[in-house]
Amino acid sequence: MTNTTLTRMRDRAVTDRAELDRLLDDTVLAHVGMADGDGGAVVIPTALARDGDRILVHGSTGSGWMRRAAAGCPVCVAVTDLNGIIVARSSFESSFRYRSAVLFGTFARLSGPDVPRALDVITERFLPGRLAEIRGTYRRELAATMVLSMPIKDWSMKISAPDLRAGIPVPASVHAMTLRRPQRRGPAGHDRVKELTAHQ
């Protein structure tokens, strides 16, 4: 048995790499788990972006968990798109509607010209079109930023959804919810939050 072998609810397993890519592209938050070196474990929430056949994370060069990951500590990376609550006719049968994946491997620290390129990829993933609106990154900012890359090799994925086929008992209701990556922005200024003025 490997890390990617599902032991429960195998009917929800997804092995299509295109589905994994779609999940990674739709979500912005991941949780990175690793041993802490003192006999314990740590799980850190962090932003994540897919770049082809690898995933990217970034943060401060002073980050303890990023330094440990850059040194080759094995990690697992969990990503979830929670898109609904299945409200069934009993609390036992109620559940979440979701897509989730766990990736296993080790990160490598990027250097040289790979760093600004990776940061551009991350920016465009989170705010499409934003690169055209902002200045370039200063050298001191690059020096303070660590970017880690991990190849997409070992992973498992599940998709949960109510079965709505004829003759299959259906949930009482499904309450939709979503947290997705923003779509392409309009011209500069069109997406600004309206300023609220306090009235005396």
N, C-alpha and C. Protein backbone atom coordinates (compact mmCIF):
# COMPACT_ATOMS: atom_id res chain seq x y z
N MET A 1 0.84 -1.19 0.00
CA MET A 1 0.00 0.00 0.00
C MET A 1 0.88 1.25 0.00
N THR A 2 0.53 2.22 -0.83
CA THR A 2 1.29 3.46 -0.92
C THR A 2 0.48 4.61 -0.32
N ASN A 3 1.10 5.78 -0.25
CA ASN A 3 0.41 6.96 0.27
C ASN A 3 -0.82 7.31 -0.54
N THR A 4 -0.84 6.94 -1.81
CA THR A 4 -1.93 7.33 -2.70
C THR A 4 -3.00 6.25 -2.84
N THR A 5 -2.88 5.17 -2.08
CA THR A 5 -3.88 4.10 -2.11
C THR A 5 -5.05 4.46 -1.20
N LEU A 6 -6.24 4.59 -1.76
CA LEU A 6 -7.42 4.93 -0.97
C LEU A 6 -7.92 3.69 -0.24
N THR A 7 -8.24 3.85 1.03
CA THR A 7 -8.73 2.73 1.84
C THR A 7 -10.22 2.86 2.16
N ARG A 8 -10.80 4.05 2.00
CA ARG A 8 -12.21 4.26 2.27
C ARG A 8 -12.85 5.03 1.11
N MET A 9 -14.14 4.71 0.86
CA MET A 9 -14.92 5.40 -0.17
C MET A 9 -14.17 5.43 -1.51
N ARG A 10 -13.74 4.25 -1.92
CA ARG A 10 -12.97 4.15 -3.15
C ARG A 10 -13.78 4.52 -4.39
N ASP A 11 -15.12 4.47 -4.26
CA ASP A 11 -15.96 4.85 -5.38
C ASP A 11 -15.84 6.34 -5.71
N ARG A 12 -15.28 7.13 -4.79
CA ARG A 12 -15.09 8.56 -5.03
C ARG A 12 -13.72 8.87 -5.62
N ALA A 13 -12.90 7.86 -5.80
CA ALA A 13 -11.54 8.08 -6.30
C ALA A 13 -11.55 8.60 -7.73
N VAL A 14 -10.64 9.51 -8.00
CA VAL A 14 -10.46 10.07 -9.34
C VAL A 14 -9.00 9.91 -9.72
N THR A 15 -8.75 9.35 -10.90
CA THR A 15 -7.38 9.14 -11.36
C THR A 15 -7.06 9.96 -12.61
N ASP A 16 -8.01 10.74 -13.06
CA ASP A 16 -7.81 11.57 -14.25
C ASP A 16 -6.97 12.79 -13.90
N ARG A 17 -5.79 12.90 -14.50
CA ARG A 17 -4.90 14.02 -14.19
C ARG A 17 -5.55 15.36 -14.56
N ALA A 18 -6.37 15.38 -15.59
CA ALA A 18 -7.03 16.62 -15.97
C ALA A 18 -7.94 17.13 -14.87
N GLU A 19 -8.58 16.22 -14.13
CA GLU A 19 -9.43 16.62 -13.00
C GLU A 19 -8.58 17.21 -11.88
N LEU A 20 -7.42 16.63 -11.64
CA LEU A 20 -6.52 17.19 -10.63
C LEU A 20 -6.07 18.58 -11.02
N ASP A 21 -5.67 18.76 -12.28
CA ASP A 21 -5.24 20.08 -12.73
C ASP A 21 -6.36 21.10 -12.57
N ARG A 22 -7.59 20.68 -12.87
CA ARG A 22 -8.73 21.59 -12.76
C ARG A 22 -8.92 22.01 -11.30
N LEU A 23 -8.79 21.08 -10.39
CA LEU A 23 -8.91 21.40 -8.96
C LEU A 23 -7.81 22.36 -8.52
N LEU A 24 -6.57 22.08 -8.90
CA LEU A 24 -5.46 22.94 -8.51
C LEU A 24 -5.61 24.35 -9.09
N ASP A 25 -6.17 24.45 -10.28
CA ASP A 25 -6.35 25.76 -10.91
C ASP A 25 -7.53 26.53 -10.33
N ASP A 26 -8.49 25.82 -9.78
CA ASP A 26 -9.69 26.47 -9.24
C ASP A 26 -9.52 26.97 -7.81
N THR A 27 -8.59 26.38 -7.08
CA THR A 27 -8.44 26.72 -5.67
C THR A 27 -7.18 27.54 -5.44
N VAL A 28 -7.15 28.25 -4.31
CA VAL A 28 -6.00 29.11 -4.02
C VAL A 28 -5.33 28.76 -2.69
N LEU A 29 -5.97 27.95 -1.87
CA LEU A 29 -5.43 27.65 -0.55
C LEU A 29 -5.10 26.17 -0.43
N ALA A 30 -3.90 25.88 0.07
CA ALA A 30 -3.47 24.51 0.34
C ALA A 30 -2.98 24.41 1.77
N HIS A 31 -2.84 23.19 2.26
CA HIS A 31 -2.27 22.94 3.58
C HIS A 31 -1.09 21.98 3.41
N VAL A 32 0.07 22.41 3.87
CA VAL A 32 1.30 21.63 3.74
C VAL A 32 1.61 20.99 5.09
N GLY A 33 1.73 19.66 5.10
CA GLY A 33 2.03 18.93 6.32
C GLY A 33 3.41 18.31 6.25
N MET A 34 4.10 18.31 7.41
CA MET A 34 5.44 17.72 7.48
C MET A 34 5.79 17.44 8.94
N ALA A 35 6.83 16.61 9.14
CA ALA A 35 7.36 16.41 10.48
C ALA A 35 8.13 17.66 10.89
N ASP A 36 8.06 18.00 12.18
CA ASP A 36 8.69 19.24 12.62
C ASP A 36 10.13 19.07 13.10
N GLY A 37 10.64 17.84 13.08
CA GLY A 37 12.02 17.61 13.49
C GLY A 37 12.19 17.35 14.97
N ASP A 38 11.12 17.52 15.75
CA ASP A 38 11.18 17.31 17.20
C ASP A 38 10.22 16.22 17.65
N GLY A 39 9.88 15.33 16.71
CA GLY A 39 8.97 14.25 17.04
C GLY A 39 7.51 14.60 16.87
N GLY A 40 7.23 15.78 16.39
CA GLY A 40 5.86 16.21 16.17
C GLY A 40 5.59 16.44 14.70
N ALA A 41 4.47 17.07 14.42
CA ALA A 41 4.09 17.37 13.04
C ALA A 41 3.51 18.77 12.99
N VAL A 42 3.52 19.36 11.80
CA VAL A 42 3.00 20.70 11.61
C VAL A 42 2.25 20.75 10.28
N VAL A 43 1.14 21.48 10.27
CA VAL A 43 0.37 21.70 9.04
C VAL A 43 0.21 23.20 8.87
N ILE A 44 0.64 23.71 7.71
CA ILE A 44 0.66 25.14 7.45
C ILE A 44 -0.26 25.49 6.27
N PRO A 45 -1.21 26.40 6.46
CA PRO A 45 -1.99 26.88 5.31
C PRO A 45 -1.15 27.84 4.49
N THR A 46 -1.24 27.72 3.17
CA THR A 46 -0.44 28.59 2.30
C THR A 46 -1.08 28.68 0.92
N ALA A 47 -0.77 29.74 0.22
CA ALA A 47 -1.25 29.89 -1.15
C ALA A 47 -0.50 28.93 -2.06
N LEU A 48 -1.18 28.43 -3.08
CA LEU A 48 -0.59 27.46 -4.01
C LEU A 48 -1.02 27.79 -5.42
N ALA A 49 -0.10 27.58 -6.37
CA ALA A 49 -0.40 27.76 -7.79
C ALA A 49 0.21 26.62 -8.58
N ARG A 50 -0.53 26.13 -9.56
CA ARG A 50 0.02 25.11 -10.45
C ARG A 50 0.72 25.78 -11.63
N ASP A 51 1.88 25.25 -11.98
CA ASP A 51 2.62 25.71 -13.16
C ASP A 51 2.99 24.49 -13.97
N GLY A 52 2.11 24.11 -14.89
CA GLY A 52 2.35 22.91 -15.69
C GLY A 52 2.34 21.66 -14.83
N ASP A 53 3.46 20.95 -14.79
CA ASP A 53 3.55 19.69 -14.05
C ASP A 53 4.17 19.88 -12.67
N ARG A 54 4.05 21.07 -12.11
CA ARG A 54 4.57 21.31 -10.76
C ARG A 54 3.65 22.26 -10.02
N ILE A 55 3.78 22.26 -8.68
CA ILE A 55 3.06 23.23 -7.88
C ILE A 55 4.08 24.18 -7.25
N LEU A 56 3.65 25.42 -7.02
CA LEU A 56 4.51 26.45 -6.47
C LEU A 56 3.92 27.00 -5.18
N VAL A 57 4.78 27.23 -4.19
CA VAL A 57 4.41 27.96 -2.99
C VAL A 57 5.50 29.00 -2.75
N HIS A 58 5.15 30.05 -2.04
CA HIS A 58 6.16 31.08 -1.79
C HIS A 58 5.93 31.70 -0.41
N GLY A 59 6.97 32.34 0.09
CA GLY A 59 6.87 32.99 1.39
C GLY A 59 8.18 33.65 1.76
N SER A 60 8.30 34.02 3.00
CA SER A 60 9.50 34.71 3.48
C SER A 60 10.68 33.75 3.61
N THR A 61 11.87 34.27 3.32
CA THR A 61 13.08 33.47 3.52
C THR A 61 13.31 33.17 5.00
N GLY A 62 12.62 33.88 5.87
CA GLY A 62 12.73 33.62 7.30
C GLY A 62 11.76 32.58 7.82
N SER A 63 10.91 32.04 6.93
CA SER A 63 9.92 31.05 7.34
C SER A 63 10.58 29.73 7.73
N GLY A 64 10.31 29.26 8.95
CA GLY A 64 10.90 28.01 9.41
C GLY A 64 10.43 26.81 8.62
N TRP A 65 9.12 26.73 8.33
CA TRP A 65 8.62 25.56 7.62
C TRP A 65 9.10 25.55 6.18
N MET A 66 9.26 26.73 5.56
CA MET A 66 9.74 26.76 4.18
C MET A 66 11.22 26.37 4.11
N ARG A 67 12.01 26.78 5.11
CA ARG A 67 13.41 26.38 5.13
C ARG A 67 13.53 24.86 5.31
N ARG A 68 12.66 24.30 6.13
CA ARG A 68 12.68 22.85 6.33
C ARG A 68 12.26 22.12 5.05
N ALA A 69 11.24 22.64 4.39
CA ALA A 69 10.80 22.02 3.13
C ALA A 69 11.87 22.14 2.06
N ALA A 70 12.55 23.30 2.01
CA ALA A 70 13.60 23.51 1.02
C ALA A 70 14.79 22.57 1.24
N ALA A 71 14.95 22.11 2.50
CA ALA A 71 16.06 21.20 2.82
C ALA A 71 15.75 19.76 2.44
N GLY A 72 14.54 19.51 1.92
CA GLY A 72 14.21 18.17 1.44
C GLY A 72 13.32 17.36 2.34
N CYS A 73 12.71 17.98 3.35
CA CYS A 73 11.79 17.26 4.23
C CYS A 73 10.58 16.77 3.43
N PRO A 74 10.23 15.48 3.51
CA PRO A 74 9.04 15.00 2.79
C PRO A 74 7.79 15.74 3.27
N VAL A 75 6.90 16.03 2.34
CA VAL A 75 5.69 16.77 2.66
C VAL A 75 4.47 16.12 2.03
N CYS A 76 3.31 16.48 2.56
CA CYS A 76 2.05 16.20 1.87
C CYS A 76 1.33 17.54 1.72
N VAL A 77 0.68 17.72 0.60
CA VAL A 77 0.00 18.98 0.29
C VAL A 77 -1.47 18.67 0.02
N ALA A 78 -2.35 19.20 0.85
CA ALA A 78 -3.78 18.95 0.71
C ALA A 78 -4.48 20.16 0.12
N VAL A 79 -5.34 19.91 -0.86
CA VAL A 79 -6.11 20.96 -1.52
C VAL A 79 -7.57 20.54 -1.56
N THR A 80 -8.48 21.44 -1.20
CA THR A 80 -9.90 21.10 -1.15
C THR A 80 -10.74 22.22 -1.75
N ASP A 81 -11.70 21.83 -2.57
CA ASP A 81 -12.73 22.75 -3.04
C ASP A 81 -14.04 22.31 -2.40
N LEU A 82 -14.44 23.01 -1.35
CA LEU A 82 -15.71 22.72 -0.67
C LEU A 82 -16.79 23.53 -1.36
N ASN A 83 -17.70 22.86 -2.08
CA ASN A 83 -18.66 23.59 -2.91
C ASN A 83 -20.11 23.35 -2.54
N GLY A 84 -20.36 22.66 -1.44
CA GLY A 84 -21.75 22.49 -1.04
C GLY A 84 -21.89 21.67 0.23
N ILE A 85 -23.02 21.83 0.90
CA ILE A 85 -23.37 21.01 2.05
C ILE A 85 -24.57 20.15 1.68
N ILE A 86 -24.41 18.85 1.77
CA ILE A 86 -25.49 17.92 1.46
C ILE A 86 -26.31 17.72 2.74
N VAL A 87 -27.50 18.28 2.75
CA VAL A 87 -28.38 18.20 3.92
C VAL A 87 -29.36 17.05 3.68
N ALA A 88 -29.05 15.89 4.23
CA ALA A 88 -29.86 14.69 4.00
C ALA A 88 -30.99 14.60 5.02
N ARG A 89 -31.71 13.50 4.95
CA ARG A 89 -32.86 13.33 5.85
C ARG A 89 -32.45 12.77 7.21
N SER A 90 -31.16 12.64 7.44
CA SER A 90 -30.65 12.30 8.77
C SER A 90 -29.28 12.96 8.91
N SER A 91 -28.87 13.23 10.15
CA SER A 91 -27.56 13.84 10.35
C SER A 91 -26.45 12.88 9.93
N PHE A 92 -26.68 11.57 10.08
CA PHE A 92 -25.66 10.59 9.72
C PHE A 92 -25.35 10.63 8.23
N GLU A 93 -26.36 10.82 7.40
CA GLU A 93 -26.18 10.80 5.95
C GLU A 93 -25.78 12.17 5.39
N SER A 94 -25.86 13.22 6.19
CA SER A 94 -25.46 14.54 5.71
C SER A 94 -23.94 14.61 5.56
N SER A 95 -23.48 15.42 4.62
CA SER A 95 -22.04 15.49 4.38
C SER A 95 -21.73 16.73 3.55
N PHE A 96 -20.48 16.86 3.16
CA PHE A 96 -20.05 17.93 2.28
C PHE A 96 -20.01 17.44 0.84
N ARG A 97 -20.22 18.37 -0.07
CA ARG A 97 -19.94 18.12 -1.50
C ARG A 97 -18.60 18.78 -1.79
N TYR A 98 -17.65 18.03 -2.30
CA TYR A 98 -16.30 18.54 -2.40
C TYR A 98 -15.49 17.86 -3.50
N ARG A 99 -14.37 18.49 -3.82
CA ARG A 99 -13.27 17.87 -4.57
C ARG A 99 -12.03 18.04 -3.69
N SER A 100 -11.27 17.00 -3.49
CA SER A 100 -10.08 17.13 -2.67
C SER A 100 -8.97 16.25 -3.21
N ALA A 101 -7.73 16.68 -2.96
CA ALA A 101 -6.57 15.93 -3.41
C ALA A 101 -5.45 16.09 -2.39
N VAL A 102 -4.62 15.07 -2.30
CA VAL A 102 -3.41 15.13 -1.49
C VAL A 102 -2.23 14.75 -2.37
N LEU A 103 -1.22 15.60 -2.39
CA LEU A 103 -0.02 15.36 -3.19
C LEU A 103 1.14 15.08 -2.24
N PHE A 104 2.02 14.15 -2.63
CA PHE A 104 3.16 13.77 -1.81
C PHE A 104 4.45 14.00 -2.57
N GLY A 105 5.50 14.39 -1.83
CA GLY A 105 6.79 14.59 -2.48
C GLY A 105 7.70 15.47 -1.65
N THR A 106 8.64 16.11 -2.33
CA THR A 106 9.56 17.05 -1.68
C THR A 106 9.66 18.30 -2.53
N PHE A 107 9.81 19.43 -1.87
CA PHE A 107 9.97 20.70 -2.56
C PHE A 107 11.45 20.96 -2.86
N ALA A 108 11.69 21.75 -3.88
CA ALA A 108 13.03 22.26 -4.20
C ALA A 108 12.95 23.77 -4.27
N ARG A 109 13.97 24.45 -3.77
CA ARG A 109 13.98 25.91 -3.79
C ARG A 109 14.44 26.41 -5.15
N LEU A 110 13.69 27.34 -5.72
CA LEU A 110 14.07 27.94 -6.99
C LEU A 110 15.09 29.05 -6.76
N SER A 111 15.89 29.31 -7.78
CA SER A 111 16.92 30.35 -7.68
C SER A 111 17.08 31.05 -9.01
N GLY A 112 17.84 32.16 -8.99
CA GLY A 112 18.14 32.89 -10.22
C GLY A 112 16.89 33.39 -10.91
N PRO A 113 16.90 33.34 -12.26
CA PRO A 113 15.76 33.87 -13.02
C PRO A 113 14.47 33.07 -12.86
N ASP A 114 14.58 31.86 -12.28
CA ASP A 114 13.37 31.06 -12.06
C ASP A 114 12.46 31.69 -11.01
N VAL A 115 13.04 32.48 -10.10
CA VAL A 115 12.25 33.07 -9.02
C VAL A 115 11.27 34.12 -9.53
N PRO A 116 11.72 35.17 -10.25
CA PRO A 116 10.74 36.15 -10.72
C PRO A 116 9.73 35.56 -11.68
N ARG A 117 10.15 34.59 -12.49
CA ARG A 117 9.18 33.96 -13.40
C ARG A 117 8.10 33.23 -12.61
N ALA A 118 8.51 32.49 -11.58
CA ALA A 118 7.54 31.75 -10.76
C ALA A 118 6.60 32.70 -10.03
N LEU A 119 7.14 33.83 -9.55
CA LEU A 119 6.29 34.81 -8.87
C LEU A 119 5.28 35.42 -9.84
N ASP A 120 5.67 35.60 -11.09
CA ASP A 120 4.72 36.08 -12.09
C ASP A 120 3.61 35.07 -12.31
N VAL A 121 3.97 33.78 -12.36
CA VAL A 121 2.96 32.73 -12.52
C VAL A 121 1.98 32.75 -11.35
N ILE A 122 2.50 32.89 -10.13
CA ILE A 122 1.66 32.91 -8.94
C ILE A 122 0.71 34.11 -8.99
N THR A 123 1.24 35.28 -9.33
CA THR A 123 0.40 36.48 -9.40
C THR A 123 -0.72 36.32 -10.40
N GLU A 124 -0.41 35.80 -11.58
CA GLU A 124 -1.43 35.63 -12.61
C GLU A 124 -2.46 34.57 -12.23
N ARG A 125 -2.03 33.57 -11.48
CA ARG A 125 -2.97 32.54 -11.03
C ARG A 125 -4.01 33.14 -10.08
N PHE A 126 -3.55 34.01 -9.18
CA PHE A 126 -4.43 34.56 -8.17
C PHE A 126 -5.24 35.74 -8.68
N LEU A 127 -4.60 36.60 -9.48
CA LEU A 127 -5.27 37.79 -10.02
C LEU A 127 -4.94 37.92 -11.50
N PRO A 128 -5.66 37.21 -12.35
CA PRO A 128 -5.37 37.25 -13.79
C PRO A 128 -5.41 38.67 -14.33
N GLY A 129 -4.38 39.05 -15.09
CA GLY A 129 -4.29 40.38 -15.65
C GLY A 129 -3.57 41.39 -14.78
N ARG A 130 -3.25 41.00 -13.55
CA ARG A 130 -2.65 41.94 -12.60
C ARG A 130 -1.24 42.36 -13.01
N LEU A 131 -0.47 41.49 -13.66
CA LEU A 131 0.91 41.82 -14.02
C LEU A 131 0.99 43.06 -14.89
N ALA A 132 -0.03 43.29 -15.70
CA ALA A 132 -0.01 44.45 -16.59
C ALA A 132 -0.24 45.75 -15.83
N GLU A 133 -0.65 45.67 -14.56
CA GLU A 133 -1.00 46.87 -13.79
C GLU A 133 0.06 47.27 -12.76
N ILE A 134 1.00 46.39 -12.47
CA ILE A 134 1.91 46.64 -11.35
C ILE A 134 3.35 46.80 -11.83
N ARG A 135 4.16 47.40 -10.97
CA ARG A 135 5.59 47.55 -11.27
C ARG A 135 6.30 46.21 -11.14
N GLY A 136 7.52 46.15 -11.61
CA GLY A 136 8.33 44.96 -11.45
C GLY A 136 8.77 44.78 -10.01
N THR A 137 9.19 43.58 -9.67
CA THR A 137 9.64 43.29 -8.31
C THR A 137 11.05 43.83 -8.10
N TYR A 138 11.26 44.50 -6.98
CA TYR A 138 12.58 45.02 -6.65
C TYR A 138 13.51 43.87 -6.25
N ARG A 139 14.81 44.12 -6.41
CA ARG A 139 15.81 43.11 -6.08
C ARG A 139 15.73 42.73 -4.60
N ARG A 140 15.52 43.70 -3.73
CA ARG A 140 15.44 43.40 -2.29
C ARG A 140 14.21 42.56 -1.97
N GLU A 141 13.15 42.74 -2.73
CA GLU A 141 11.95 41.94 -2.51
C GLU A 141 12.19 40.49 -2.94
N LEU A 142 12.90 40.32 -4.05
CA LEU A 142 13.24 38.96 -4.49
C LEU A 142 14.14 38.28 -3.47
N ALA A 143 15.07 39.05 -2.89
CA ALA A 143 16.00 38.48 -1.92
C ALA A 143 15.29 38.03 -0.65
N ALA A 144 14.14 38.64 -0.36
CA ALA A 144 13.40 38.31 0.86
C ALA A 144 12.35 37.23 0.64
N THR A 145 12.23 36.76 -0.59
CA THR A 145 11.17 35.81 -0.94
C THR A 145 11.75 34.46 -1.34
N MET A 146 11.19 33.40 -0.79
CA MET A 146 11.56 32.04 -1.16
C MET A 146 10.42 31.43 -1.97
N VAL A 147 10.77 30.79 -3.07
CA VAL A 147 9.78 30.09 -3.90
C VAL A 147 10.17 28.61 -3.96
N LEU A 148 9.23 27.75 -3.66
CA LEU A 148 9.47 26.31 -3.68
C LEU A 148 8.62 25.67 -4.77
N SER A 149 9.18 24.63 -5.37
CA SER A 149 8.51 23.91 -6.46
C SER A 149 8.49 22.42 -6.14
N MET A 150 7.37 21.77 -6.43
CA MET A 150 7.27 20.32 -6.25
C MET A 150 6.61 19.69 -7.47
N PRO A 151 7.22 18.66 -8.05
CA PRO A 151 6.60 18.01 -9.21
C PRO A 151 5.32 17.29 -8.82
N ILE A 152 4.37 17.27 -9.75
CA ILE A 152 3.11 16.56 -9.53
C ILE A 152 3.31 15.12 -9.98
N LYS A 153 3.58 14.23 -9.03
CA LYS A 153 3.84 12.83 -9.35
C LYS A 153 2.95 11.89 -8.56
N ASP A 154 3.06 11.94 -7.24
CA ASP A 154 2.30 11.04 -6.37
C ASP A 154 1.13 11.78 -5.76
N TRP A 155 -0.08 11.35 -6.07
CA TRP A 155 -1.26 12.06 -5.58
C TRP A 155 -2.48 11.13 -5.58
N SER A 156 -3.45 11.52 -4.80
CA SER A 156 -4.76 10.86 -4.81
C SER A 156 -5.83 11.93 -4.76
N MET A 157 -7.00 11.61 -5.28
CA MET A 157 -8.06 12.60 -5.38
C MET A 157 -9.41 11.94 -5.18
N LYS A 158 -10.33 12.68 -4.56
CA LYS A 158 -11.71 12.25 -4.39
C LYS A 158 -12.65 13.36 -4.83
N ILE A 159 -13.77 12.96 -5.37
CA ILE A 159 -14.85 13.90 -5.66
C ILE A 159 -16.12 13.35 -5.05
N SER A 160 -16.78 14.17 -4.24
CA SER A 160 -18.04 13.78 -3.60
C SER A 160 -19.16 14.62 -4.17
N ALA A 161 -20.23 13.97 -4.58
CA ALA A 161 -21.41 14.68 -5.09
C ALA A 161 -22.62 13.78 -4.91
N PRO A 162 -23.80 14.35 -4.66
CA PRO A 162 -25.00 13.52 -4.52
C PRO A 162 -25.36 12.86 -5.84
N ASP A 163 -25.85 11.63 -5.76
CA ASP A 163 -26.27 10.89 -6.95
C ASP A 163 -27.73 11.24 -7.23
N LEU A 164 -27.97 11.93 -8.36
CA LEU A 164 -29.31 12.41 -8.68
C LEU A 164 -29.99 11.59 -9.77
N ARG A 165 -29.49 10.37 -10.03
CA ARG A 165 -30.12 9.54 -11.05
C ARG A 165 -31.52 9.10 -10.60
N ALA A 166 -32.37 8.82 -11.57
CA ALA A 166 -33.73 8.38 -11.27
C ALA A 166 -33.68 7.08 -10.47
N GLY A 167 -34.51 7.01 -9.44
CA GLY A 167 -34.59 5.80 -8.63
C GLY A 167 -33.61 5.76 -7.49
N ILE A 168 -32.69 6.72 -7.43
CA ILE A 168 -31.71 6.76 -6.34
C ILE A 168 -32.19 7.75 -5.29
N PRO A 169 -32.29 7.35 -4.02
CA PRO A 169 -32.71 8.31 -2.97
C PRO A 169 -31.81 9.55 -3.00
N VAL A 170 -32.42 10.70 -2.96
CA VAL A 170 -31.66 11.94 -3.05
C VAL A 170 -31.66 12.66 -1.72
N PRO A 171 -30.69 13.53 -1.49
CA PRO A 171 -30.67 14.31 -0.26
C PRO A 171 -31.87 15.24 -0.18
N ALA A 172 -32.17 15.70 1.02
CA ALA A 172 -33.26 16.65 1.18
C ALA A 172 -32.94 17.95 0.45
N SER A 173 -31.67 18.36 0.49
CA SER A 173 -31.26 19.56 -0.23
C SER A 173 -29.75 19.62 -0.30
N VAL A 174 -29.27 20.43 -1.24
CA VAL A 174 -27.84 20.70 -1.36
C VAL A 174 -27.64 22.20 -1.33
N HIS A 175 -26.94 22.71 -0.34
CA HIS A 175 -26.69 24.14 -0.21
C HIS A 175 -25.35 24.45 -0.86
N ALA A 176 -25.38 25.19 -1.95
CA ALA A 176 -24.16 25.50 -2.68
C ALA A 176 -23.31 26.51 -1.93
N MET A 177 -22.01 26.36 -2.04
CA MET A 177 -21.06 27.33 -1.49
C MET A 177 -19.80 27.24 -2.33
N THR A 178 -19.05 28.33 -2.40
CA THR A 178 -17.88 28.31 -3.26
C THR A 178 -16.84 29.30 -2.78
N LEU A 179 -15.57 28.94 -2.98
CA LEU A 179 -14.43 29.83 -2.77
C LEU A 179 -13.48 29.52 -3.90
N ARG A 180 -13.48 30.35 -4.92
CA ARG A 180 -12.74 30.07 -6.14
C ARG A 180 -11.75 31.18 -6.44
N ARG A 181 -10.78 30.86 -7.29
CA ARG A 181 -9.82 31.84 -7.78
C ARG A 181 -10.56 32.90 -8.60
N PRO A 182 -10.23 34.19 -8.42
CA PRO A 182 -10.90 35.25 -9.17
C PRO A 182 -10.73 35.07 -10.68
N GLN A 183 -11.72 35.54 -11.42
CA GLN A 183 -11.62 35.52 -12.88
C GLN A 183 -10.82 36.74 -13.34
N ARG A 184 -10.59 36.81 -14.63
CA ARG A 184 -9.77 37.91 -15.17
C ARG A 184 -10.38 39.25 -14.80
N ARG A 185 -9.50 40.15 -14.34
CA ARG A 185 -9.92 41.47 -13.92
C ARG A 185 -10.22 42.36 -15.12
N GLY A 186 -11.04 43.38 -14.89
CA GLY A 186 -11.29 44.38 -15.91
C GLY A 186 -10.18 45.41 -15.92
N PRO A 187 -10.35 46.50 -16.67
CA PRO A 187 -9.33 47.56 -16.69
C PRO A 187 -9.06 48.08 -15.30
N ALA A 188 -7.85 48.60 -15.12
CA ALA A 188 -7.44 49.10 -13.81
C ALA A 188 -8.48 50.05 -13.24
N GLY A 189 -8.85 49.80 -11.99
CA GLY A 189 -9.81 50.68 -11.33
C GLY A 189 -11.22 50.14 -11.34
N HIS A 190 -11.55 49.25 -12.27
CA HIS A 190 -12.93 48.77 -12.38
C HIS A 190 -13.29 47.80 -11.27
N ASP A 191 -12.27 47.22 -10.61
CA ASP A 191 -12.54 46.24 -9.58
C ASP A 191 -12.28 46.78 -8.18
N ARG A 192 -12.10 48.07 -8.07
CA ARG A 192 -11.82 48.63 -6.75
C ARG A 192 -13.07 48.62 -5.88
N VAL A 193 -12.83 48.36 -4.62
CA VAL A 193 -13.95 48.39 -3.67
C VAL A 193 -14.37 49.83 -3.47
N LYS A 194 -15.66 50.07 -3.46
CA LYS A 194 -16.17 51.42 -3.28
C LYS A 194 -15.81 51.94 -1.89
N GLU A 195 -15.37 53.16 -1.87
CA GLU A 195 -14.99 53.76 -0.59
C GLU A 195 -16.25 54.11 0.21
N LEU A 196 -16.22 53.70 1.47
CA LEU A 196 -17.34 53.98 2.35
C LEU A 196 -17.04 55.21 3.17
N THR A 197 -17.95 56.17 3.17
CA THR A 197 -17.76 57.42 3.92
C THR A 197 -18.62 57.39 5.18
N ALA A 198 -17.98 57.61 6.30
CA ALA A 198 -18.71 57.64 7.57
C ALA A 198 -19.42 58.98 7.71
N HIS A 199 -20.68 58.93 8.11
CA HIS A 199 -21.45 60.16 8.30
C HIS A 199 -21.47 60.52 9.77
N GLN A 200 -21.13 61.77 10.03
CA GLN A 200 -21.09 62.24 11.43
C GLN A 200 -22.52 62.34 11.96
